[in-house]
Amino acid sequence: RRVRVEMRRYFARHKRRNVKFIIGALIVLLGVGWLFGFVIGIDRVAGMSMYPYLNDKDWIVYSRIVNEIRRDDVVVFEKNGEVMIKRVVGLPGEHVEMNRAGNQVVVNGEQMKEEYVTMTAPDAGETKELPAATQVIMNGQYLVLGDNRVDSVDSRDSNIGTVASEDVLGKVRWIIRDGR
């Protein structure tokens, strides 16, 4: 009789412990789901359009909480069903002129100094191309360009154009280099 009582107590304790474990695991899973659904995002870089800042197959961690987007921020956005990563060059309301190669960018009458741009057309630096017509960036839109202007599909492409603020998924915070 005493053995049965002890066995019931034993199983009751284990049942409570298992229920606590399951509830704890559910809370952790919900917390991780909330974190990756609303706070941060992780994505893998495909292509060399942001070289040397980002390389092909690097991993990025981006913040989904974006208070303000500034010039030179690297943003993750969705355009035409594809997730893209580019650098913000033009902000809402600005007047932007650039040549076809994208190596001469003039914002509000001032030539941009873009030290991060390393790849341009082979002879783009030797010739002085005339800039295209001035483009005024509309409210709620951003002009984005890749750092590797030769290999980048960005706002210069008519299929991409400027990026709406609601299409911006977040700003890049950390880069995890591919360990090739």
N, C-alpha and C. Protein backbone atom coordinates (compact mmCIF):
# COMPACT_ATOMS: atom_id res chain seq x y z
N ARG A 1 0.82 -1.19 0.00
CA ARG A 1 0.00 0.00 0.00
C ARG A 1 0.87 1.26 0.00
N ARG A 2 1.88 1.26 0.84
CA ARG A 2 2.78 2.40 0.92
C ARG A 2 3.54 2.59 -0.39
N VAL A 3 3.87 1.51 -1.07
CA VAL A 3 4.58 1.58 -2.34
C VAL A 3 3.71 2.27 -3.39
N ARG A 4 2.42 1.94 -3.41
CA ARG A 4 1.52 2.56 -4.38
C ARG A 4 1.42 4.07 -4.16
N VAL A 5 1.34 4.49 -2.92
CA VAL A 5 1.27 5.93 -2.61
C VAL A 5 2.55 6.62 -3.10
N GLU A 6 3.68 6.03 -2.82
CA GLU A 6 4.96 6.60 -3.25
C GLU A 6 5.06 6.66 -4.78
N MET A 7 4.55 5.62 -5.46
CA MET A 7 4.58 5.61 -6.92
C MET A 7 3.70 6.72 -7.48
N ARG A 8 2.52 6.94 -6.88
CA ARG A 8 1.65 8.02 -7.35
C ARG A 8 2.32 9.37 -7.16
N ARG A 9 2.96 9.57 -6.01
CA ARG A 9 3.67 10.83 -5.76
C ARG A 9 4.80 11.02 -6.78
N TYR A 10 5.53 9.94 -7.04
CA TYR A 10 6.64 9.99 -7.99
C TYR A 10 6.14 10.41 -9.37
N PHE A 11 5.08 9.77 -9.86
CA PHE A 11 4.54 10.09 -11.18
C PHE A 11 3.90 11.47 -11.22
N ALA A 12 3.30 11.92 -10.14
CA ALA A 12 2.72 13.26 -10.09
C ALA A 12 3.81 14.32 -10.20
N ARG A 13 4.95 14.12 -9.49
CA ARG A 13 6.08 15.05 -9.57
C ARG A 13 6.64 15.11 -10.98
N HIS A 14 6.81 13.95 -11.60
CA HIS A 14 7.35 13.89 -12.97
C HIS A 14 6.39 14.51 -13.97
N LYS A 15 5.08 14.34 -13.75
CA LYS A 15 4.10 14.92 -14.66
C LYS A 15 4.19 16.45 -14.60
N ARG A 16 4.29 17.01 -13.38
CA ARG A 16 4.42 18.46 -13.23
C ARG A 16 5.71 18.96 -13.88
N ARG A 17 6.78 18.22 -13.71
CA ARG A 17 8.06 18.61 -14.29
C ARG A 17 7.99 18.58 -15.82
N ASN A 18 7.34 17.58 -16.39
CA ASN A 18 7.20 17.50 -17.85
C ASN A 18 6.33 18.64 -18.38
N VAL A 19 5.27 18.98 -17.67
CA VAL A 19 4.40 20.08 -18.09
C VAL A 19 5.19 21.39 -18.05
N LYS A 20 5.97 21.61 -17.00
CA LYS A 20 6.81 22.82 -16.91
C LYS A 20 7.82 22.88 -18.05
N PHE A 21 8.41 21.74 -18.37
CA PHE A 21 9.38 21.69 -19.46
C PHE A 21 8.72 22.04 -20.80
N ILE A 22 7.54 21.48 -21.06
CA ILE A 22 6.83 21.74 -22.32
C ILE A 22 6.42 23.21 -22.41
N ILE A 23 5.91 23.78 -21.33
CA ILE A 23 5.53 25.20 -21.33
C ILE A 23 6.76 26.08 -21.54
N GLY A 24 7.86 25.76 -20.90
CA GLY A 24 9.10 26.52 -21.09
C GLY A 24 9.60 26.45 -22.52
N ALA A 25 9.55 25.25 -23.12
CA ALA A 25 9.98 25.10 -24.51
C ALA A 25 9.08 25.89 -25.46
N LEU A 26 7.77 25.90 -25.22
CA LEU A 26 6.85 26.68 -26.04
C LEU A 26 7.12 28.18 -25.93
N ILE A 27 7.41 28.66 -24.72
CA ILE A 27 7.73 30.08 -24.52
C ILE A 27 9.00 30.45 -25.27
N VAL A 28 10.01 29.59 -25.21
CA VAL A 28 11.25 29.85 -25.94
C VAL A 28 11.00 29.87 -27.45
N LEU A 29 10.24 28.93 -27.96
CA LEU A 29 9.92 28.88 -29.39
C LEU A 29 9.15 30.11 -29.84
N LEU A 30 8.17 30.52 -29.05
CA LEU A 30 7.42 31.73 -29.38
C LEU A 30 8.31 32.97 -29.35
N GLY A 31 9.20 33.04 -28.38
CA GLY A 31 10.14 34.17 -28.29
C GLY A 31 11.07 34.23 -29.49
N VAL A 32 11.60 33.09 -29.91
CA VAL A 32 12.47 33.04 -31.08
C VAL A 32 11.69 33.40 -32.34
N GLY A 33 10.47 32.91 -32.45
CA GLY A 33 9.62 33.25 -33.60
C GLY A 33 9.33 34.73 -33.66
N TRP A 34 9.04 35.34 -32.53
CA TRP A 34 8.80 36.79 -32.47
C TRP A 34 10.06 37.56 -32.83
N LEU A 35 11.21 37.11 -32.29
CA LEU A 35 12.47 37.80 -32.56
C LEU A 35 12.79 37.81 -34.05
N PHE A 36 12.69 36.65 -34.71
CA PHE A 36 13.02 36.58 -36.13
C PHE A 36 11.89 37.10 -37.02
N GLY A 37 10.68 37.17 -36.50
CA GLY A 37 9.57 37.68 -37.30
C GLY A 37 9.43 39.18 -37.29
N PHE A 38 9.83 39.82 -36.18
CA PHE A 38 9.57 41.25 -36.03
C PHE A 38 10.80 42.10 -35.70
N VAL A 39 11.87 41.51 -35.20
CA VAL A 39 13.00 42.30 -34.74
C VAL A 39 14.21 42.18 -35.66
N ILE A 40 14.63 40.96 -35.97
CA ILE A 40 15.80 40.79 -36.83
C ILE A 40 15.48 39.82 -37.97
N GLY A 41 16.29 39.92 -39.00
CA GLY A 41 16.18 39.00 -40.12
C GLY A 41 17.57 38.52 -40.51
N ILE A 42 17.63 37.36 -41.10
CA ILE A 42 18.89 36.80 -41.56
C ILE A 42 18.71 36.43 -43.02
N ASP A 43 19.71 36.75 -43.82
CA ASP A 43 19.63 36.43 -45.24
C ASP A 43 21.04 36.14 -45.75
N ARG A 44 21.11 35.52 -46.91
CA ARG A 44 22.39 35.19 -47.53
C ARG A 44 22.57 36.03 -48.78
N VAL A 45 23.75 36.56 -48.96
CA VAL A 45 24.06 37.41 -50.11
C VAL A 45 24.25 36.52 -51.34
N ALA A 46 23.59 36.90 -52.43
CA ALA A 46 23.75 36.18 -53.69
C ALA A 46 24.23 37.17 -54.73
N GLY A 47 25.46 37.01 -55.18
CA GLY A 47 26.01 37.90 -56.20
C GLY A 47 27.06 38.82 -55.64
N MET A 48 27.64 39.59 -56.55
CA MET A 48 28.76 40.47 -56.19
C MET A 48 28.40 41.95 -56.35
N SER A 49 27.13 42.30 -56.32
CA SER A 49 26.74 43.69 -56.56
C SER A 49 27.16 44.63 -55.44
N MET A 50 27.43 44.12 -54.25
CA MET A 50 27.85 44.98 -53.14
C MET A 50 29.32 44.77 -52.76
N TYR A 51 30.08 44.14 -53.64
CA TYR A 51 31.51 43.91 -53.39
C TYR A 51 32.22 45.25 -53.31
N PRO A 52 33.13 45.49 -52.41
CA PRO A 52 33.77 44.62 -51.43
C PRO A 52 33.09 44.60 -50.06
N TYR A 53 32.07 45.44 -49.86
CA TYR A 53 31.39 45.47 -48.56
C TYR A 53 30.76 44.12 -48.25
N LEU A 54 30.08 43.52 -49.22
CA LEU A 54 29.49 42.20 -49.06
C LEU A 54 29.96 41.32 -50.20
N ASN A 55 30.32 40.10 -49.87
CA ASN A 55 30.76 39.14 -50.87
C ASN A 55 29.67 38.10 -51.10
N ASP A 56 29.78 37.41 -52.23
CA ASP A 56 28.85 36.34 -52.54
C ASP A 56 28.88 35.29 -51.44
N LYS A 57 27.73 34.84 -51.00
CA LYS A 57 27.54 33.80 -49.99
C LYS A 57 27.82 34.25 -48.55
N ASP A 58 28.05 35.56 -48.32
CA ASP A 58 28.12 36.06 -46.95
C ASP A 58 26.72 36.01 -46.35
N TRP A 59 26.64 35.94 -45.03
CA TRP A 59 25.37 36.02 -44.33
C TRP A 59 25.25 37.41 -43.74
N ILE A 60 24.05 37.96 -43.75
CA ILE A 60 23.82 39.25 -43.12
C ILE A 60 22.72 39.11 -42.07
N VAL A 61 22.86 39.90 -41.03
CA VAL A 61 21.81 40.02 -40.02
C VAL A 61 21.34 41.46 -40.10
N TYR A 62 20.04 41.64 -40.30
CA TYR A 62 19.52 43.00 -40.42
C TYR A 62 18.43 43.26 -39.40
N SER A 63 18.34 44.53 -39.01
CA SER A 63 17.35 44.96 -38.05
C SER A 63 16.07 45.32 -38.79
N ARG A 64 14.97 44.72 -38.40
CA ARG A 64 13.68 45.04 -39.01
C ARG A 64 13.09 46.32 -38.43
N ILE A 65 13.61 46.78 -37.30
CA ILE A 65 13.13 48.01 -36.68
C ILE A 65 13.98 49.15 -37.23
N VAL A 66 13.40 49.90 -38.15
CA VAL A 66 14.12 50.98 -38.83
C VAL A 66 13.45 52.29 -38.48
N ASN A 67 14.13 53.11 -37.68
CA ASN A 67 13.58 54.41 -37.31
C ASN A 67 13.81 55.44 -38.41
N GLU A 68 15.01 55.45 -38.94
CA GLU A 68 15.37 56.45 -39.93
C GLU A 68 16.37 55.85 -40.91
N ILE A 69 16.19 56.13 -42.18
CA ILE A 69 17.13 55.68 -43.19
C ILE A 69 17.94 56.88 -43.64
N ARG A 70 19.26 56.73 -43.60
CA ARG A 70 20.18 57.81 -43.98
C ARG A 70 20.96 57.42 -45.22
N ARG A 71 21.57 58.41 -45.84
CA ARG A 71 22.45 58.16 -46.97
C ARG A 71 23.59 57.24 -46.51
N ASP A 72 24.00 56.33 -47.35
CA ASP A 72 25.07 55.35 -47.13
C ASP A 72 24.65 54.17 -46.26
N ASP A 73 23.41 54.13 -45.76
CA ASP A 73 22.92 52.94 -45.07
C ASP A 73 22.77 51.81 -46.08
N VAL A 74 23.12 50.61 -45.68
CA VAL A 74 22.91 49.44 -46.53
C VAL A 74 21.59 48.81 -46.07
N VAL A 75 20.64 48.75 -47.01
CA VAL A 75 19.30 48.29 -46.66
C VAL A 75 18.95 47.01 -47.40
N VAL A 76 18.06 46.25 -46.80
CA VAL A 76 17.50 45.04 -47.41
C VAL A 76 16.07 45.41 -47.78
N PHE A 77 15.69 45.13 -49.02
CA PHE A 77 14.34 45.47 -49.46
C PHE A 77 13.83 44.41 -50.42
N GLU A 78 12.53 44.43 -50.62
CA GLU A 78 11.91 43.49 -51.54
C GLU A 78 11.40 44.26 -52.75
N LYS A 79 11.78 43.80 -53.92
CA LYS A 79 11.34 44.43 -55.17
C LYS A 79 11.02 43.33 -56.17
N ASN A 80 9.84 43.37 -56.72
CA ASN A 80 9.38 42.39 -57.70
C ASN A 80 9.52 40.95 -57.19
N GLY A 81 9.23 40.75 -55.91
CA GLY A 81 9.28 39.41 -55.32
C GLY A 81 10.68 38.91 -54.98
N GLU A 82 11.69 39.76 -55.14
CA GLU A 82 13.07 39.37 -54.87
C GLU A 82 13.65 40.23 -53.75
N VAL A 83 14.37 39.62 -52.83
CA VAL A 83 15.02 40.36 -51.76
C VAL A 83 16.37 40.84 -52.26
N MET A 84 16.62 42.15 -52.10
CA MET A 84 17.86 42.76 -52.60
C MET A 84 18.54 43.53 -51.48
N ILE A 85 19.85 43.73 -51.64
CA ILE A 85 20.65 44.48 -50.67
C ILE A 85 21.40 45.55 -51.43
N LYS A 86 21.19 46.80 -51.08
CA LYS A 86 21.85 47.93 -51.77
C LYS A 86 22.13 49.04 -50.78
N ARG A 87 22.91 50.03 -51.23
CA ARG A 87 23.26 51.19 -50.42
C ARG A 87 22.37 52.37 -50.82
N VAL A 88 21.87 53.10 -49.83
CA VAL A 88 21.02 54.26 -50.08
C VAL A 88 21.90 55.44 -50.51
N VAL A 89 21.56 56.02 -51.68
CA VAL A 89 22.31 57.16 -52.21
C VAL A 89 21.44 58.41 -52.22
N GLY A 90 20.17 58.26 -52.57
CA GLY A 90 19.28 59.41 -52.64
C GLY A 90 18.12 59.28 -51.68
N LEU A 91 17.86 60.36 -50.95
CA LEU A 91 16.78 60.39 -49.97
C LEU A 91 15.57 61.14 -50.53
N PRO A 92 14.40 61.00 -49.91
CA PRO A 92 13.21 61.68 -50.41
C PRO A 92 13.42 63.20 -50.54
N GLY A 93 12.98 63.73 -51.68
CA GLY A 93 13.06 65.17 -51.92
C GLY A 93 14.37 65.64 -52.51
N GLU A 94 15.36 64.79 -52.64
CA GLU A 94 16.66 65.21 -53.17
C GLU A 94 16.67 65.17 -54.69
N HIS A 95 17.57 65.99 -55.26
CA HIS A 95 17.79 66.03 -56.70
C HIS A 95 19.07 65.25 -56.99
N VAL A 96 18.98 64.20 -57.79
CA VAL A 96 20.12 63.32 -58.05
C VAL A 96 20.40 63.28 -59.54
N GLU A 97 21.68 63.44 -59.90
CA GLU A 97 22.15 63.26 -61.27
C GLU A 97 23.26 62.23 -61.23
N MET A 98 23.30 61.35 -62.22
CA MET A 98 24.41 60.40 -62.31
C MET A 98 24.60 59.98 -63.75
N ASN A 99 25.85 59.62 -64.07
CA ASN A 99 26.10 59.14 -65.43
C ASN A 99 25.65 57.69 -65.54
N ARG A 100 25.70 57.14 -66.74
CA ARG A 100 25.21 55.79 -66.99
C ARG A 100 25.99 54.75 -66.20
N ALA A 101 27.30 54.93 -66.04
CA ALA A 101 28.12 53.97 -65.31
C ALA A 101 27.86 54.02 -63.81
N GLY A 102 27.33 55.14 -63.33
CA GLY A 102 27.03 55.26 -61.91
C GLY A 102 28.21 55.67 -61.07
N ASN A 103 29.34 56.02 -61.71
CA ASN A 103 30.51 56.38 -60.91
C ASN A 103 30.56 57.88 -60.59
N GLN A 104 29.70 58.66 -61.20
CA GLN A 104 29.61 60.09 -60.90
C GLN A 104 28.20 60.38 -60.43
N VAL A 105 28.04 60.55 -59.14
CA VAL A 105 26.73 60.80 -58.55
C VAL A 105 26.75 62.19 -57.93
N VAL A 106 25.81 63.01 -58.34
CA VAL A 106 25.69 64.38 -57.82
C VAL A 106 24.35 64.49 -57.12
N VAL A 107 24.38 64.82 -55.82
CA VAL A 107 23.16 64.95 -55.03
C VAL A 107 23.03 66.40 -54.59
N ASN A 108 21.92 67.01 -54.97
CA ASN A 108 21.66 68.42 -54.65
C ASN A 108 22.83 69.32 -55.05
N GLY A 109 23.42 69.05 -56.21
CA GLY A 109 24.51 69.88 -56.73
C GLY A 109 25.89 69.56 -56.19
N GLU A 110 26.03 68.62 -55.30
CA GLU A 110 27.34 68.25 -54.74
C GLU A 110 27.74 66.86 -55.20
N GLN A 111 28.99 66.76 -55.69
CA GLN A 111 29.53 65.45 -56.10
C GLN A 111 29.70 64.58 -54.86
N MET A 112 29.17 63.36 -54.91
CA MET A 112 29.28 62.44 -53.77
C MET A 112 30.67 61.84 -53.74
N LYS A 113 31.22 61.70 -52.56
CA LYS A 113 32.49 61.00 -52.37
C LYS A 113 32.14 59.61 -51.85
N GLU A 114 32.25 58.64 -52.73
CA GLU A 114 31.87 57.27 -52.39
C GLU A 114 33.12 56.40 -52.36
N GLU A 115 33.80 56.36 -51.22
CA GLU A 115 35.02 55.56 -51.09
C GLU A 115 34.74 54.08 -51.19
N TYR A 116 33.53 53.68 -50.90
CA TYR A 116 33.17 52.25 -50.92
C TYR A 116 33.00 51.72 -52.33
N VAL A 117 32.87 52.59 -53.34
CA VAL A 117 32.71 52.14 -54.73
C VAL A 117 34.09 51.83 -55.28
N THR A 118 34.30 50.56 -55.64
CA THR A 118 35.61 50.17 -56.18
C THR A 118 35.51 49.68 -57.61
N MET A 119 34.37 49.21 -58.01
CA MET A 119 34.23 48.62 -59.34
C MET A 119 33.34 49.51 -60.20
N THR A 120 33.92 50.08 -61.24
CA THR A 120 33.14 50.85 -62.20
C THR A 120 33.49 50.34 -63.58
N ALA A 121 32.85 50.90 -64.58
CA ALA A 121 33.13 50.49 -65.95
C ALA A 121 34.61 50.70 -66.25
N PRO A 122 35.23 49.87 -67.09
CA PRO A 122 36.67 49.91 -67.32
C PRO A 122 37.24 51.30 -67.63
N ASP A 123 36.55 52.09 -68.45
CA ASP A 123 37.10 53.39 -68.77
C ASP A 123 36.19 54.52 -68.29
N ALA A 124 35.34 54.22 -67.30
CA ALA A 124 34.40 55.23 -66.82
C ALA A 124 35.11 56.39 -66.14
N GLY A 125 36.23 56.13 -65.49
CA GLY A 125 36.94 57.20 -64.80
C GLY A 125 37.74 58.08 -65.75
N GLU A 126 38.06 57.57 -66.92
CA GLU A 126 38.89 58.32 -67.85
C GLU A 126 38.08 59.34 -68.64
N THR A 127 36.81 59.03 -68.93
CA THR A 127 36.01 59.95 -69.72
C THR A 127 35.06 60.71 -68.82
N LYS A 128 34.77 61.92 -69.19
CA LYS A 128 33.82 62.73 -68.43
C LYS A 128 32.48 62.67 -69.14
N GLU A 129 31.66 61.74 -68.73
CA GLU A 129 30.32 61.62 -69.30
C GLU A 129 29.45 62.72 -68.74
N LEU A 130 28.55 63.18 -69.54
CA LEU A 130 27.58 64.14 -69.04
C LEU A 130 26.54 63.41 -68.22
N PRO A 131 26.16 63.97 -67.07
CA PRO A 131 25.14 63.31 -66.26
C PRO A 131 23.79 63.31 -66.96
N ALA A 132 22.96 62.37 -66.56
CA ALA A 132 21.61 62.28 -67.11
C ALA A 132 20.78 63.43 -66.53
N ALA A 133 19.56 63.52 -66.94
CA ALA A 133 18.67 64.55 -66.42
C ALA A 133 18.52 64.38 -64.91
N THR A 134 18.28 65.49 -64.24
CA THR A 134 18.11 65.45 -62.79
C THR A 134 16.86 64.67 -62.44
N GLN A 135 17.02 63.77 -61.48
CA GLN A 135 15.90 62.97 -61.00
C GLN A 135 15.56 63.45 -59.60
N VAL A 136 14.31 63.77 -59.36
CA VAL A 136 13.86 64.19 -58.04
C VAL A 136 13.25 62.96 -57.36
N ILE A 137 13.78 62.63 -56.19
CA ILE A 137 13.30 61.46 -55.45
C ILE A 137 12.00 61.85 -54.75
N MET A 138 10.95 61.09 -54.99
CA MET A 138 9.64 61.39 -54.41
C MET A 138 9.62 61.05 -52.92
N ASN A 139 8.66 61.63 -52.20
CA ASN A 139 8.50 61.34 -50.78
C ASN A 139 8.23 59.85 -50.58
N GLY A 140 8.86 59.28 -49.57
CA GLY A 140 8.67 57.87 -49.27
C GLY A 140 9.44 56.93 -50.19
N GLN A 141 10.36 57.47 -51.00
CA GLN A 141 11.16 56.68 -51.94
C GLN A 141 12.65 56.89 -51.65
N TYR A 142 13.46 55.90 -52.03
CA TYR A 142 14.91 55.98 -51.86
C TYR A 142 15.59 55.52 -53.14
N LEU A 143 16.66 56.20 -53.53
CA LEU A 143 17.47 55.78 -54.66
C LEU A 143 18.59 54.91 -54.10
N VAL A 144 18.72 53.68 -54.60
CA VAL A 144 19.71 52.74 -54.09
C VAL A 144 20.63 52.30 -55.21
N LEU A 145 21.90 52.12 -54.87
CA LEU A 145 22.90 51.65 -55.83
C LEU A 145 23.76 50.59 -55.16
N GLY A 146 24.28 49.66 -55.97
CA GLY A 146 25.23 48.68 -55.47
C GLY A 146 26.62 49.28 -55.46
N ASP A 147 27.50 48.79 -54.59
CA ASP A 147 28.87 49.29 -54.53
C ASP A 147 29.67 48.88 -55.75
N ASN A 148 29.39 47.73 -56.30
CA ASN A 148 30.05 47.23 -57.50
C ASN A 148 29.16 47.62 -58.68
N ARG A 149 29.35 48.85 -59.16
CA ARG A 149 28.42 49.43 -60.13
C ARG A 149 28.36 48.66 -61.45
N VAL A 150 29.44 47.93 -61.80
CA VAL A 150 29.45 47.16 -63.05
C VAL A 150 28.49 45.98 -62.96
N ASP A 151 28.41 45.36 -61.81
CA ASP A 151 27.68 44.11 -61.63
C ASP A 151 26.38 44.28 -60.85
N SER A 152 25.88 45.51 -60.74
CA SER A 152 24.73 45.76 -59.88
C SER A 152 23.48 46.10 -60.68
N VAL A 153 22.39 45.47 -60.31
CA VAL A 153 21.07 45.85 -60.82
C VAL A 153 20.43 46.65 -59.70
N ASP A 154 20.27 47.95 -59.92
CA ASP A 154 19.83 48.84 -58.86
C ASP A 154 18.88 49.89 -59.41
N SER A 155 18.81 51.05 -58.79
CA SER A 155 17.85 52.08 -59.19
C SER A 155 18.09 52.60 -60.61
N ARG A 156 19.24 52.34 -61.18
CA ARG A 156 19.48 52.73 -62.57
C ARG A 156 18.67 51.89 -63.54
N ASP A 157 18.26 50.70 -63.12
CA ASP A 157 17.47 49.80 -63.96
C ASP A 157 15.99 50.19 -63.85
N SER A 158 15.32 50.29 -64.98
CA SER A 158 13.92 50.71 -64.97
C SER A 158 13.01 49.68 -64.28
N ASN A 159 13.43 48.43 -64.19
CA ASN A 159 12.63 47.42 -63.49
C ASN A 159 12.71 47.58 -61.97
N ILE A 160 13.75 48.23 -61.49
CA ILE A 160 13.92 48.43 -60.05
C ILE A 160 13.45 49.84 -59.68
N GLY A 161 14.07 50.85 -60.25
CA GLY A 161 13.71 52.23 -59.93
C GLY A 161 13.98 52.55 -58.48
N THR A 162 13.29 53.55 -57.97
CA THR A 162 13.46 53.90 -56.57
C THR A 162 12.70 52.90 -55.70
N VAL A 163 13.07 52.82 -54.46
CA VAL A 163 12.50 51.84 -53.53
C VAL A 163 11.59 52.55 -52.55
N ALA A 164 10.37 52.08 -52.43
CA ALA A 164 9.41 52.66 -51.48
C ALA A 164 9.81 52.28 -50.05
N SER A 165 9.55 53.18 -49.13
CA SER A 165 9.93 52.92 -47.73
C SER A 165 9.22 51.70 -47.17
N GLU A 166 8.01 51.39 -47.65
CA GLU A 166 7.31 50.21 -47.14
C GLU A 166 7.91 48.91 -47.67
N ASP A 167 8.73 48.99 -48.72
CA ASP A 167 9.40 47.79 -49.25
C ASP A 167 10.71 47.48 -48.52
N VAL A 168 11.19 48.44 -47.72
CA VAL A 168 12.44 48.23 -46.98
C VAL A 168 12.17 47.28 -45.83
N LEU A 169 12.91 46.17 -45.82
CA LEU A 169 12.75 45.16 -44.76
C LEU A 169 13.60 45.49 -43.54
N GLY A 170 14.74 46.17 -43.74
CA GLY A 170 15.59 46.51 -42.62
C GLY A 170 16.94 47.03 -43.05
N LYS A 171 17.77 47.36 -42.05
CA LYS A 171 19.13 47.85 -42.29
C LYS A 171 20.12 46.78 -41.83
N VAL A 172 21.16 46.60 -42.63
CA VAL A 172 22.19 45.60 -42.31
C VAL A 172 22.94 46.04 -41.05
N ARG A 173 23.06 45.13 -40.10
CA ARG A 173 23.76 45.41 -38.84
C ARG A 173 25.05 44.60 -38.71
N TRP A 174 25.01 43.31 -39.10
CA TRP A 174 26.18 42.44 -38.96
C TRP A 174 26.38 41.64 -40.25
N ILE A 175 27.65 41.36 -40.50
CA ILE A 175 28.01 40.55 -41.67
C ILE A 175 28.76 39.33 -41.14
N ILE A 176 28.36 38.16 -41.59
CA ILE A 176 29.06 36.93 -41.23
C ILE A 176 29.69 36.43 -42.53
N ARG A 177 31.00 36.54 -42.60
CA ARG A 177 31.72 36.20 -43.83
C ARG A 177 31.68 34.71 -44.10
N ASP A 178 31.56 34.37 -45.38
CA ASP A 178 31.61 32.98 -45.81
C ASP A 178 33.03 32.48 -45.58
N GLY A 179 33.16 31.36 -44.94
CA GLY A 179 34.47 30.83 -44.57
C GLY A 179 35.12 29.96 -45.63
N ARG A 180 35.07 30.39 -46.88
CA ARG A 180 35.68 29.58 -47.95
C ARG A 180 37.15 29.47 -47.78
